[in-house]
C-alpha atoms as a PDB file:
ATOM      1  CA  UNK A   1      24.094  12.493 -45.019  1.00  0.00           C
ATOM      2  CA  UNK A   2      21.735  10.240 -43.148  1.00  0.00           C
ATOM      3  CA  UNK A   3      18.843  11.217 -40.953  1.00  0.00           C
ATOM      4  CA  UNK A   4      18.438   9.686 -37.513  1.00  0.00           C
ATOM      5  CA  UNK A   5      14.901   9.201 -36.326  1.00  0.00           C
ATOM      6  CA  UNK A   6      13.681   8.203 -32.876  1.00  0.00           C
ATOM      7  CA  UNK A   7      11.247   5.363 -32.571  1.00  0.00           C
ATOM      8  CA  UNK A   8       9.170   4.282 -29.625  1.00  0.00           C
ATOM      9  CA  UNK A   9      10.254   1.048 -27.944  1.00  0.00           C
ATOM     10  CA  UNK A  10       8.674  -1.984 -29.528  1.00  0.00           C
ATOM     11  CA  UNK A  11       7.294  -4.666 -27.257  1.00  0.00           C
ATOM     12  CA  UNK A  12       9.147  -7.934 -27.418  1.00  0.00           C
ATOM     13  CA  UNK A  13       7.392 -10.679 -29.349  1.00  0.00           C
ATOM     14  CA  UNK A  14       5.731 -13.565 -27.593  1.00  0.00           C
ATOM     15  CA  UNK A  15       2.735 -14.325 -25.470  1.00  0.00           C
ATOM     16  CA  UNK A  16       1.624 -11.094 -23.695  1.00  0.00           C
ATOM     17  CA  UNK A  17       0.789 -12.876 -20.449  1.00  0.00           C
ATOM     18  CA  UNK A  18       4.072 -14.789 -20.418  1.00  0.00           C
ATOM     19  CA  UNK A  19       6.016 -11.624 -21.232  1.00  0.00           C
ATOM     20  CA  UNK A  20       4.242  -9.752 -18.432  1.00  0.00           C
ATOM     21  CA  UNK A  21       5.071 -12.492 -15.922  1.00  0.00           C
ATOM     22  CA  UNK A  22       8.710 -12.608 -17.056  1.00  0.00           C
ATOM     23  CA  UNK A  23       9.115  -8.834 -16.888  1.00  0.00           C
ATOM     24  CA  UNK A  24       7.470  -8.707 -13.460  1.00  0.00           C
ATOM     25  CA  UNK A  25       9.854 -11.339 -12.114  1.00  0.00           C
ATOM     26  CA  UNK A  26      12.848  -9.431 -13.515  1.00  0.00           C
ATOM     27  CA  UNK A  27      11.732  -6.260 -11.711  1.00  0.00           C
ATOM     28  CA  UNK A  28      11.011  -8.244  -8.537  1.00  0.00           C
ATOM     29  CA  UNK A  29      14.546  -9.680  -8.662  1.00  0.00           C
ATOM     30  CA  UNK A  30      15.985  -6.212  -9.115  1.00  0.00           C
ATOM     31  CA  UNK A  31      14.145  -4.962  -6.027  1.00  0.00           C
ATOM     32  CA  UNK A  32      15.119  -7.987  -3.932  1.00  0.00           C
ATOM     33  CA  UNK A  33      18.788  -7.488  -4.818  1.00  0.00           C
ATOM     34  CA  UNK A  34      18.444  -3.833  -3.826  1.00  0.00           C
ATOM     35  CA  UNK A  35      16.823  -4.797  -0.509  1.00  0.00           C
ATOM     36  CA  UNK A  36      19.613  -7.299   0.146  1.00  0.00           C
ATOM     37  CA  UNK A  37      22.194  -4.544  -0.248  1.00  0.00           C
ATOM     38  CA  UNK A  38      20.348  -2.380   2.305  1.00  0.00           C
ATOM     39  CA  UNK A  39      19.749  -4.802   5.229  1.00  0.00           C
ATOM     40  CA  UNK A  40      18.745  -1.968   7.550  1.00  0.00           C
ATOM     41  CA  UNK A  41      15.459  -1.758   5.619  1.00  0.00           C
ATOM     42  CA  UNK A  42      14.505  -5.201   6.965  1.00  0.00           C
ATOM     43  CA  UNK A  43      15.981  -4.560  10.417  1.00  0.00           C
ATOM     44  CA  UNK A  44      14.098  -1.291  10.951  1.00  0.00           C
ATOM     45  CA  UNK A  45      10.955  -2.934   9.608  1.00  0.00           C
ATOM     46  CA  UNK A  46      11.210  -5.510  12.406  1.00  0.00           C
ATOM     47  CA  UNK A  47      11.825  -3.117  15.279  1.00  0.00           C
ATOM     48  CA  UNK A  48       8.319  -1.638  15.410  1.00  0.00           C
ATOM     49  CA  UNK A  49       6.320  -4.909  15.477  1.00  0.00           C
ATOM     50  CA  UNK A  50       8.702  -6.399  18.050  1.00  0.00           C
ATOM     51  CA  UNK A  51       8.197  -3.299  20.219  1.00  0.00           C
ATOM     52  CA  UNK A  52       4.421  -3.693  19.905  1.00  0.00           C
ATOM     53  CA  UNK A  53       4.663  -7.347  20.959  1.00  0.00           C
ATOM     54  CA  UNK A  54       6.720  -6.502  24.038  1.00  0.00           C
ATOM     55  CA  UNK A  55       4.692  -3.442  25.042  1.00  0.00           C
ATOM     56  CA  UNK A  56       1.253  -5.002  24.671  1.00  0.00           C
ATOM     57  CA  UNK A  57       2.338  -8.309  26.210  1.00  0.00           C
ATOM     58  CA  UNK A  58       4.227  -7.081  29.265  1.00  0.00           C
ATOM     59  CA  UNK A  59       2.930  -3.531  29.805  1.00  0.00           C
ATOM     60  CA  UNK A  60      -0.746  -3.594  28.799  1.00  0.00           C
ATOM     61  CA  UNK A  61      -1.446  -7.338  28.783  1.00  0.00           C
ATOM     62  CA  UNK A  62      -2.319  -7.567  32.467  1.00  0.00           C
ATOM     63  CA  UNK A  63      -4.865  -4.743  32.201  1.00  0.00           C
ATOM     64  CA  UNK A  64      -6.824  -5.855  29.122  1.00  0.00           C
ATOM     65  CA  UNK A  65      -9.598  -8.434  29.429  1.00  0.00           C
ATOM     66  CA  UNK A  66     -10.750 -10.566  26.505  1.00  0.00           C
ATOM     67  CA  UNK A  67     -13.625 -13.042  26.686  1.00  0.00           C
ATOM     68  CA  UNK A  68     -14.070 -14.446  30.183  1.00  0.00           C
ATOM     69  CA  UNK A  69     -10.352 -14.785  30.872  1.00  0.00           C
ATOM     70  CA  UNK A  70      -8.095 -12.401  32.775  1.00  0.00           C
ATOM     71  CA  UNK A  71      -4.906 -14.359  32.099  1.00  0.00           C
ATOM     72  CA  UNK A  72      -2.018 -12.719  30.303  1.00  0.00           C
ATOM     73  CA  UNK A  73      -1.544 -15.902  28.247  1.00  0.00           C
ATOM     74  CA  UNK A  74      -5.073 -15.599  26.798  1.00  0.00           C
ATOM     75  CA  UNK A  75      -4.443 -11.982  25.829  1.00  0.00           C
ATOM     76  CA  UNK A  76      -1.003 -12.837  24.428  1.00  0.00           C
ATOM     77  CA  UNK A  77      -2.545 -15.376  22.054  1.00  0.00           C
ATOM     78  CA  UNK A  78      -5.415 -13.005  21.233  1.00  0.00           C
ATOM     79  CA  UNK A  79      -2.949 -10.198  20.512  1.00  0.00           C
ATOM     80  CA  UNK A  80      -0.581 -11.874  18.085  1.00  0.00           C
ATOM     81  CA  UNK A  81      -2.967 -12.089  15.120  1.00  0.00           C
ATOM     82  CA  UNK A  82      -3.447  -8.316  15.416  1.00  0.00           C
ATOM     83  CA  UNK A  83       0.314  -7.702  15.523  1.00  0.00           C
ATOM     84  CA  UNK A  84       0.883  -9.916  12.479  1.00  0.00           C
ATOM     85  CA  UNK A  85      -1.851  -8.117  10.530  1.00  0.00           C
ATOM     86  CA  UNK A  86      -0.568  -4.691  11.543  1.00  0.00           C
ATOM     87  CA  UNK A  87       2.939  -5.638  10.422  1.00  0.00           C
ATOM     88  CA  UNK A  88       1.877  -6.657   6.912  1.00  0.00           C
ATOM     89  CA  UNK A  89      -0.300  -3.567   6.439  1.00  0.00           C
ATOM     90  CA  UNK A  90       2.323  -1.131   7.710  1.00  0.00           C
ATOM     91  CA  UNK A  91       4.587  -2.378   4.917  1.00  0.00           C
ATOM     92  CA  UNK A  92       2.341  -0.217   2.712  1.00  0.00           C
ATOM     93  CA  UNK A  93       4.366   2.851   3.649  1.00  0.00           C
ATOM     94  CA  UNK A  94       7.613   1.216   2.529  1.00  0.00           C
ATOM     95  CA  UNK A  95       6.105   0.168  -0.790  1.00  0.00           C
ATOM     96  CA  UNK A  96       4.863   3.676  -1.474  1.00  0.00           C
ATOM     97  CA  UNK A  97       8.171   5.268  -0.488  1.00  0.00           C
ATOM     98  CA  UNK A  98      10.126   2.893  -2.748  1.00  0.00           C
ATOM     99  CA  UNK A  99       8.014   3.673  -5.799  1.00  0.00           C
ATOM    100  CA  UNK A 100       8.087   7.402  -5.038  1.00  0.00           C
ATOM    101  CA  UNK A 101      11.883   7.218  -4.796  1.00  0.00           C
ATOM    102  CA  UNK A 102      12.115   5.501  -8.193  1.00  0.00           C
ATOM    103  CA  UNK A 103       9.817   8.172  -9.640  1.00  0.00           C
ATOM    104  CA  UNK A 104      11.868  10.975  -8.085  1.00  0.00           C
ATOM    105  CA  UNK A 105      15.136   9.593  -9.524  1.00  0.00           C
ATOM    106  CA  UNK A 106      13.664   9.119 -12.988  1.00  0.00           C
ATOM    107  CA  UNK A 107      14.098   5.350 -12.885  1.00  0.00           C
ATOM    108  CA  UNK A 108      10.468   4.731 -13.818  1.00  0.00           C
ATOM    109  CA  UNK A 109      10.958   6.772 -17.004  1.00  0.00           C
ATOM    110  CA  UNK A 110      13.916   4.554 -17.904  1.00  0.00           C
ATOM    111  CA  UNK A 111      11.774   1.466 -17.474  1.00  0.00           C
ATOM    112  CA  UNK A 112       9.171   2.980 -19.756  1.00  0.00           C
ATOM    113  CA  UNK A 113      11.731   3.272 -22.529  1.00  0.00           C
ATOM    114  CA  UNK A 114      12.276  -0.486 -22.496  1.00  0.00           C
ATOM    115  CA  UNK A 115      10.163  -3.021 -24.424  1.00  0.00           C
ATOM    116  CA  UNK A 116       8.437  -4.411 -21.349  1.00  0.00           C
ATOM    117  CA  UNK A 117       4.899  -4.894 -20.079  1.00  0.00           C
ATOM    118  CA  UNK A 118       3.466  -1.677 -18.658  1.00  0.00           C
ATOM    119  CA  UNK A 119       2.241  -3.179 -15.387  1.00  0.00           C
ATOM    120  CA  UNK A 120       5.434  -5.170 -14.772  1.00  0.00           C
ATOM    121  CA  UNK A 121       7.201  -2.374 -12.866  1.00  0.00           C
ATOM    122  CA  UNK A 122       4.469  -2.151 -10.249  1.00  0.00           C
ATOM    123  CA  UNK A 123       3.796  -5.893 -10.114  1.00  0.00           C
ATOM    124  CA  UNK A 124       7.487  -6.625  -9.664  1.00  0.00           C
ATOM    125  CA  UNK A 125       7.746  -4.087  -6.891  1.00  0.00           C
ATOM    126  CA  UNK A 126       4.739  -5.495  -5.000  1.00  0.00           C
ATOM    127  CA  UNK A 127       6.056  -9.060  -5.387  1.00  0.00           C
ATOM    128  CA  UNK A 128       9.405  -8.027  -3.908  1.00  0.00           C
ATOM    129  CA  UNK A 129       7.578  -6.360  -1.021  1.00  0.00           C
ATOM    130  CA  UNK A 130       5.630  -9.595  -0.523  1.00  0.00           C
ATOM    131  CA  UNK A 131       8.877 -11.554  -0.123  1.00  0.00           C
ATOM    132  CA  UNK A 132      10.162  -9.011   2.394  1.00  0.00           C
ATOM    133  CA  UNK A 133       6.866  -9.193   4.296  1.00  0.00           C
ATOM    134  CA  UNK A 134       7.101 -12.999   4.426  1.00  0.00           C
ATOM    135  CA  UNK A 135      10.604 -12.786   5.940  1.00  0.00           C
ATOM    136  CA  UNK A 136       9.396 -10.226   8.470  1.00  0.00           C
ATOM    137  CA  UNK A 137       6.473 -12.465   9.462  1.00  0.00           C
ATOM    138  CA  UNK A 138       8.822 -15.422   9.911  1.00  0.00           C
ATOM    139  CA  UNK A 139      11.098 -13.516  12.290  1.00  0.00           C
ATOM    140  CA  UNK A 140       8.133 -12.029  14.144  1.00  0.00           C
ATOM    141  CA  UNK A 141       6.577 -15.487  14.578  1.00  0.00           C
ATOM    142  CA  UNK A 142       9.806 -16.688  16.214  1.00  0.00           C
ATOM    143  CA  UNK A 143       9.741 -13.701  18.579  1.00  0.00           C
ATOM    144  CA  UNK A 144       6.080 -14.395  19.364  1.00  0.00           C
ATOM    145  CA  UNK A 145       6.868 -18.006  20.293  1.00  0.00           C
ATOM    146  CA  UNK A 146       9.678 -16.791  22.565  1.00  0.00           C
ATOM    147  CA  UNK A 147       7.259 -14.555  24.514  1.00  0.00           C
ATOM    148  CA  UNK A 148       4.746 -17.372  24.914  1.00  0.00           C
ATOM    149  CA  UNK A 149       2.469 -17.338  21.858  1.00  0.00           C
ATOM    150  CA  UNK A 150       1.101 -20.748  20.924  1.00  0.00           C
ATOM    151  CA  UNK A 151      -1.282 -22.105  18.289  1.00  0.00           C
ATOM    152  CA  UNK A 152      -3.878 -24.808  18.988  1.00  0.00           C
ATOM    153  CA  UNK A 153      -4.828 -25.997  15.511  1.00  0.00           C
ATOM    154  CA  UNK A 154      -3.147 -28.253  12.956  1.00  0.00           C
ATOM    155  CA  UNK A 155      -0.226 -27.139  10.825  1.00  0.00           C
ATOM    156  CA  UNK A 156      -2.377 -26.719   7.701  1.00  0.00           C
ATOM    157  CA  UNK A 157      -4.666 -24.206   9.377  1.00  0.00           C
ATOM    158  CA  UNK A 158      -1.718 -22.270  10.762  1.00  0.00           C
ATOM    159  CA  UNK A 159      -0.201 -22.030   7.283  1.00  0.00           C
ATOM    160  CA  UNK A 160      -3.570 -20.917   5.906  1.00  0.00           C
ATOM    161  CA  UNK A 161      -3.625 -18.142   8.503  1.00  0.00           C
ATOM    162  CA  UNK A 162      -0.225 -16.846   7.456  1.00  0.00           C
ATOM    163  CA  UNK A 163      -1.300 -17.082   3.805  1.00  0.00           C
ATOM    164  CA  UNK A 164      -4.222 -14.762   4.619  1.00  0.00           C
ATOM    165  CA  UNK A 165      -1.792 -12.304   6.223  1.00  0.00           C
ATOM    166  CA  UNK A 166       0.405 -12.328   3.125  1.00  0.00           C
ATOM    167  CA  UNK A 167      -2.602 -11.850   0.853  1.00  0.00           C
ATOM    168  CA  UNK A 168      -3.719  -8.865   2.939  1.00  0.00           C
ATOM    169  CA  UNK A 169      -0.192  -7.428   2.831  1.00  0.00           C
ATOM    170  CA  UNK A 170      -0.028  -7.871  -0.939  1.00  0.00           C
ATOM    171  CA  UNK A 171      -3.409  -6.164  -1.328  1.00  0.00           C
ATOM    172  CA  UNK A 172      -2.311  -3.198   0.774  1.00  0.00           C
ATOM    173  CA  UNK A 173       0.969  -2.911  -1.142  1.00  0.00           C
ATOM    174  CA  UNK A 174      -1.118  -1.874  -4.165  1.00  0.00           C
ATOM    175  CA  UNK A 175      -2.580   0.941  -2.074  1.00  0.00           C
ATOM    176  CA  UNK A 176       1.008   1.925  -1.284  1.00  0.00           C
ATOM    177  CA  UNK A 177       1.882   1.796  -4.976  1.00  0.00           C
ATOM    178  CA  UNK A 178      -0.935   4.196  -5.789  1.00  0.00           C
ATOM    179  CA  UNK A 179       0.157   6.560  -3.018  1.00  0.00           C
ATOM    180  CA  UNK A 180       3.782   6.421  -4.207  1.00  0.00           C
ATOM    181  CA  UNK A 181       2.730   7.377  -7.726  1.00  0.00           C
ATOM    182  CA  UNK A 182       0.524  10.210  -6.474  1.00  0.00           C
ATOM    183  CA  UNK A 183       3.066  12.174  -4.407  1.00  0.00           C
ATOM    184  CA  UNK A 184       6.274  13.988  -5.285  1.00  0.00           C
ATOM    185  CA  UNK A 185       8.741  12.738  -2.668  1.00  0.00           C
ATOM    186  CA  UNK A 186       9.470   9.514  -0.739  1.00  0.00           C
ATOM    187  CA  UNK A 187       8.924  11.406   2.524  1.00  0.00           C
ATOM    188  CA  UNK A 188       5.407  12.349   1.470  1.00  0.00           C
ATOM    189  CA  UNK A 189       4.759   8.729   0.461  1.00  0.00           C
ATOM    190  CA  UNK A 190       5.829   7.496   3.898  1.00  0.00           C
ATOM    191  CA  UNK A 191       3.583   9.998   5.679  1.00  0.00           C
ATOM    192  CA  UNK A 192       0.691   9.353   3.304  1.00  0.00           C
ATOM    193  CA  UNK A 193       1.113   5.617   3.750  1.00  0.00           C
ATOM    194  CA  UNK A 194       0.927   5.753   7.546  1.00  0.00           C
ATOM    195  CA  UNK A 195      -1.583   8.465   8.388  1.00  0.00           C
ATOM    196  CA  UNK A 196      -4.633   6.402   7.431  1.00  0.00           C
ATOM    197  CA  UNK A 197      -3.243   3.094   8.711  1.00  0.00           C
ATOM    198  CA  UNK A 198      -3.387   4.069  12.376  1.00  0.00           C
ATOM    199  CA  UNK A 199      -7.187   4.533  12.523  1.00  0.00           C
ATOM    200  CA  UNK A 200      -7.645   1.476  10.289  1.00  0.00           C
ATOM    201  CA  UNK A 201      -5.662  -0.786  12.609  1.00  0.00           C
ATOM    202  CA  UNK A 202      -6.776   0.652  15.950  1.00  0.00           C
ATOM    203  CA  UNK A 203     -10.498   0.906  15.127  1.00  0.00           C
ATOM    204  CA  UNK A 204     -10.531  -2.853  14.730  1.00  0.00           C
ATOM    205  CA  UNK A 205     -10.398  -6.033  16.762  1.00  0.00           C
ATOM    206  CA  UNK A 206      -6.597  -6.200  16.559  1.00  0.00           C
ATOM    207  CA  UNK A 207      -5.748  -5.233  20.145  1.00  0.00           C
ATOM    208  CA  UNK A 208      -9.043  -5.258  22.039  1.00  0.00           C
ATOM    209  CA  UNK A 209     -12.378  -7.035  21.942  1.00  0.00           C
ATOM    210  CA  UNK A 210     -14.565  -5.021  19.549  1.00  0.00           C
ATOM    211  CA  UNK A 211     -17.605  -5.941  21.674  1.00  0.00           C
ATOM    212  CA  UNK A 212     -16.340  -3.487  24.299  1.00  0.00           C
ATOM    213  CA  UNK A 213     -16.329  -0.511  21.903  1.00  0.00           C
ATOM    214  CA  UNK A 214     -19.099   2.100  21.627  1.00  0.00           C
ATOM    215  CA  UNK A 215     -21.785   1.037  19.153  1.00  0.00           C
ATOM    216  CA  UNK A 216     -20.739   3.300  16.261  1.00  0.00           C
ATOM    217  CA  UNK A 217     -17.072   2.270  16.519  1.00  0.00           C
ATOM    218  CA  UNK A 218     -18.000  -1.387  16.935  1.00  0.00           C
ATOM    219  CA  UNK A 219     -19.858  -1.435  13.615  1.00  0.00           C
ATOM    220  CA  UNK A 220     -16.871   0.152  11.871  1.00  0.00           C
ATOM    221  CA  UNK A 221     -14.523  -2.377  13.439  1.00  0.00           C
ATOM    222  CA  UNK A 222     -16.711  -5.337  12.482  1.00  0.00           C
ATOM    223  CA  UNK A 223     -16.800  -4.337   8.798  1.00  0.00           C
ATOM    224  CA  UNK A 224     -13.154  -3.311   8.667  1.00  0.00           C
ATOM    225  CA  UNK A 225     -11.257  -5.545   6.169  1.00  0.00           C
ATOM    226  CA  UNK A 226      -8.368  -5.556   8.617  1.00  0.00           C
ATOM    227  CA  UNK A 227     -10.632  -7.007  11.331  1.00  0.00           C
ATOM    228  CA  UNK A 228     -11.854  -9.795   9.049  1.00  0.00           C
ATOM    229  CA  UNK A 229      -8.311 -11.083   8.517  1.00  0.00           C
ATOM    230  CA  UNK A 230      -7.483 -10.808  12.222  1.00  0.00           C
ATOM    231  CA  UNK A 231     -10.622 -12.717  13.205  1.00  0.00           C
ATOM    232  CA  UNK A 232     -10.013 -15.366  10.523  1.00  0.00           C
ATOM    233  CA  UNK A 233      -6.455 -15.989  11.678  1.00  0.00           C
ATOM    234  CA  UNK A 234      -7.451 -16.182  15.337  1.00  0.00           C
ATOM    235  CA  UNK A 235      -9.864 -18.942  14.396  1.00  0.00           C
ATOM    236  CA  UNK A 236      -7.276 -20.698  12.216  1.00  0.00           C
ATOM    237  CA  UNK A 237      -4.651 -20.461  14.973  1.00  0.00           C
ATOM    238  CA  UNK A 238      -7.086 -21.502  17.718  1.00  0.00           C
ATOM    239  CA  UNK A 239      -6.365 -18.252  19.563  1.00  0.00           C
ATOM    240  CA  UNK A 240      -9.894 -17.181  20.499  1.00  0.00           C
ATOM    241  CA  UNK A 241      -9.972 -16.846  24.312  1.00  0.00           C
ATOM    242  CA  UNK A 242     -12.429 -18.746  26.536  1.00  0.00           C
ATOM    243  CA  UNK A 243     -15.850 -17.103  26.689  1.00  0.00           C
ATOM    244  CA  UNK A 244     -15.196 -14.882  23.664  1.00  0.00           C
ATOM    245  CA  UNK A 245     -18.436 -13.848  21.953  1.00  0.00           C
ATOM    246  CA  UNK A 246     -18.114 -13.573  18.196  1.00  0.00           C
ATOM    247  CA  UNK A 247     -19.968 -10.470  16.898  1.00  0.00           C
ATOM    248  CA  UNK A 248     -23.090 -11.024  14.814  1.00  0.00           C
ATOM    249  CA  UNK A 249     -21.825  -9.034  11.794  1.00  0.00           C
ATOM    250  CA  UNK A 250     -21.424 -11.178   8.658  1.00  0.00           C
ATOM    251  CA  UNK A 251     -17.631 -10.605   8.283  1.00  0.00           C
ATOM    252  CA  UNK A 252     -17.099 -11.796  11.855  1.00  0.00           C
ATOM    253  CA  UNK A 253     -19.313 -14.849  11.401  1.00  0.00           C
ATOM    254  CA  UNK A 254     -17.544 -15.816   8.128  1.00  0.00           C
ATOM    255  CA  UNK A 255     -14.106 -14.230   8.603  1.00  0.00           C
ATOM    256  CA  UNK A 256     -12.067 -16.435   6.252  1.00  0.00           C
ATOM    257  CA  UNK A 257     -14.407 -15.823   3.328  1.00  0.00           C
ATOM    258  CA  UNK A 258     -14.720 -12.129   4.216  1.00  0.00           C
ATOM    259  CA  UNK A 259     -10.928 -11.788   4.387  1.00  0.00           C
ATOM    260  CA  UNK A 260     -10.510 -13.359   0.953  1.00  0.00           C
ATOM    261  CA  UNK A 261     -13.227 -11.162  -0.571  1.00  0.00           C
ATOM    262  CA  UNK A 262     -11.799  -7.967   0.918  1.00  0.00           C
ATOM    263  CA  UNK A 263      -8.211  -8.728  -0.141  1.00  0.00           C
ATOM    264  CA  UNK A 264      -9.091  -9.719  -3.703  1.00  0.00           C
ATOM    265  CA  UNK A 265     -11.360  -6.677  -4.062  1.00  0.00           C
ATOM    266  CA  UNK A 266      -8.616  -4.337  -2.845  1.00  0.00           C
ATOM    267  CA  UNK A 267      -6.130  -5.879  -5.297  1.00  0.00           C
ATOM    268  CA  UNK A 268      -8.512  -5.544  -8.250  1.00  0.00           C
ATOM    269  CA  UNK A 269      -9.466  -1.944  -7.493  1.00  0.00           C
ATOM    270  CA  UNK A 270      -6.096  -0.517  -6.496  1.00  0.00           C
ATOM    271  CA  UNK A 271      -4.059  -2.403  -9.081  1.00  0.00           C
ATOM    272  CA  UNK A 272      -6.291  -0.955 -11.777  1.00  0.00           C
ATOM    273  CA  UNK A 273      -5.964   2.550 -10.325  1.00  0.00           C
ATOM    274  CA  UNK A 274      -2.201   2.224  -9.794  1.00  0.00           C
ATOM    275  CA  UNK A 275      -1.487   1.006 -13.358  1.00  0.00           C
ATOM    276  CA  UNK A 276      -3.649   3.805 -14.757  1.00  0.00           C
ATOM    277  CA  UNK A 277      -1.825   6.349 -12.585  1.00  0.00           C
ATOM    278  CA  UNK A 278       1.526   4.880 -13.646  1.00  0.00           C
ATOM    279  CA  UNK A 279       0.730   5.452 -17.301  1.00  0.00           C
ATOM    280  CA  UNK A 280      -0.444   9.036 -16.794  1.00  0.00           C
ATOM    281  CA  UNK A 281       2.170  10.033 -14.218  1.00  0.00           C
ATOM    282  CA  UNK A 282       5.104   8.985 -16.395  1.00  0.00           C
ATOM    283  CA  UNK A 283       3.666   9.841 -19.826  1.00  0.00           C
END
């Protein structure tokens, strides 16, 4: 007779950093293939931002004043950076729901039984979400051009603006990952991923001039990480309207640097918390 003993999975040999990158890319590929087989995920993700573009441009655009201009074209260009930023941050709910679904089905436990880097599951998921966000931004940019949005800076600055949007979206996907690991169902992850995003995006400079807000809300908006990215991209796109007065708060005076600091800080904090939660939630 022979005894059969169970052993814990042994990590594959090799450089730990290289192995982590390889495992993360494998998981990212798995999630991208899954997204490709469910195209309605991308389609439904586009409907909301397109509706916001149309509603704010044609319904509210003529009633909202920014800077010293009353023209709808000035507001249309002012608006688009806010719509782009809102789109990348609202992807947080989808990231959280996806991870919660994998947890609910026991797929995360299967990954844990494999000889792979511990953080690769979450990193791969957030990278796949980043690719989906980039595709969404591309389609939304085309729609924005069709309704009259234009940029007034060189191509390099425009690309830098979209890079800031993607960095913000990637940072917020780690918040979604933490939420997805902290709830029991995908439905709870979706609700938990959206409930705090509405005040974050609306108490900001995304849709209106923050200078017109009451003092206590204006200070919140000026130090909102979301606002820093919106302000930075308006400057990079050349979309600040005539007569617009930039607030005196440091993030608004140095929006590109503030946006980078906020995004990197969010990634560092929430990636650490999410990986720690991943280890305890599936142990």
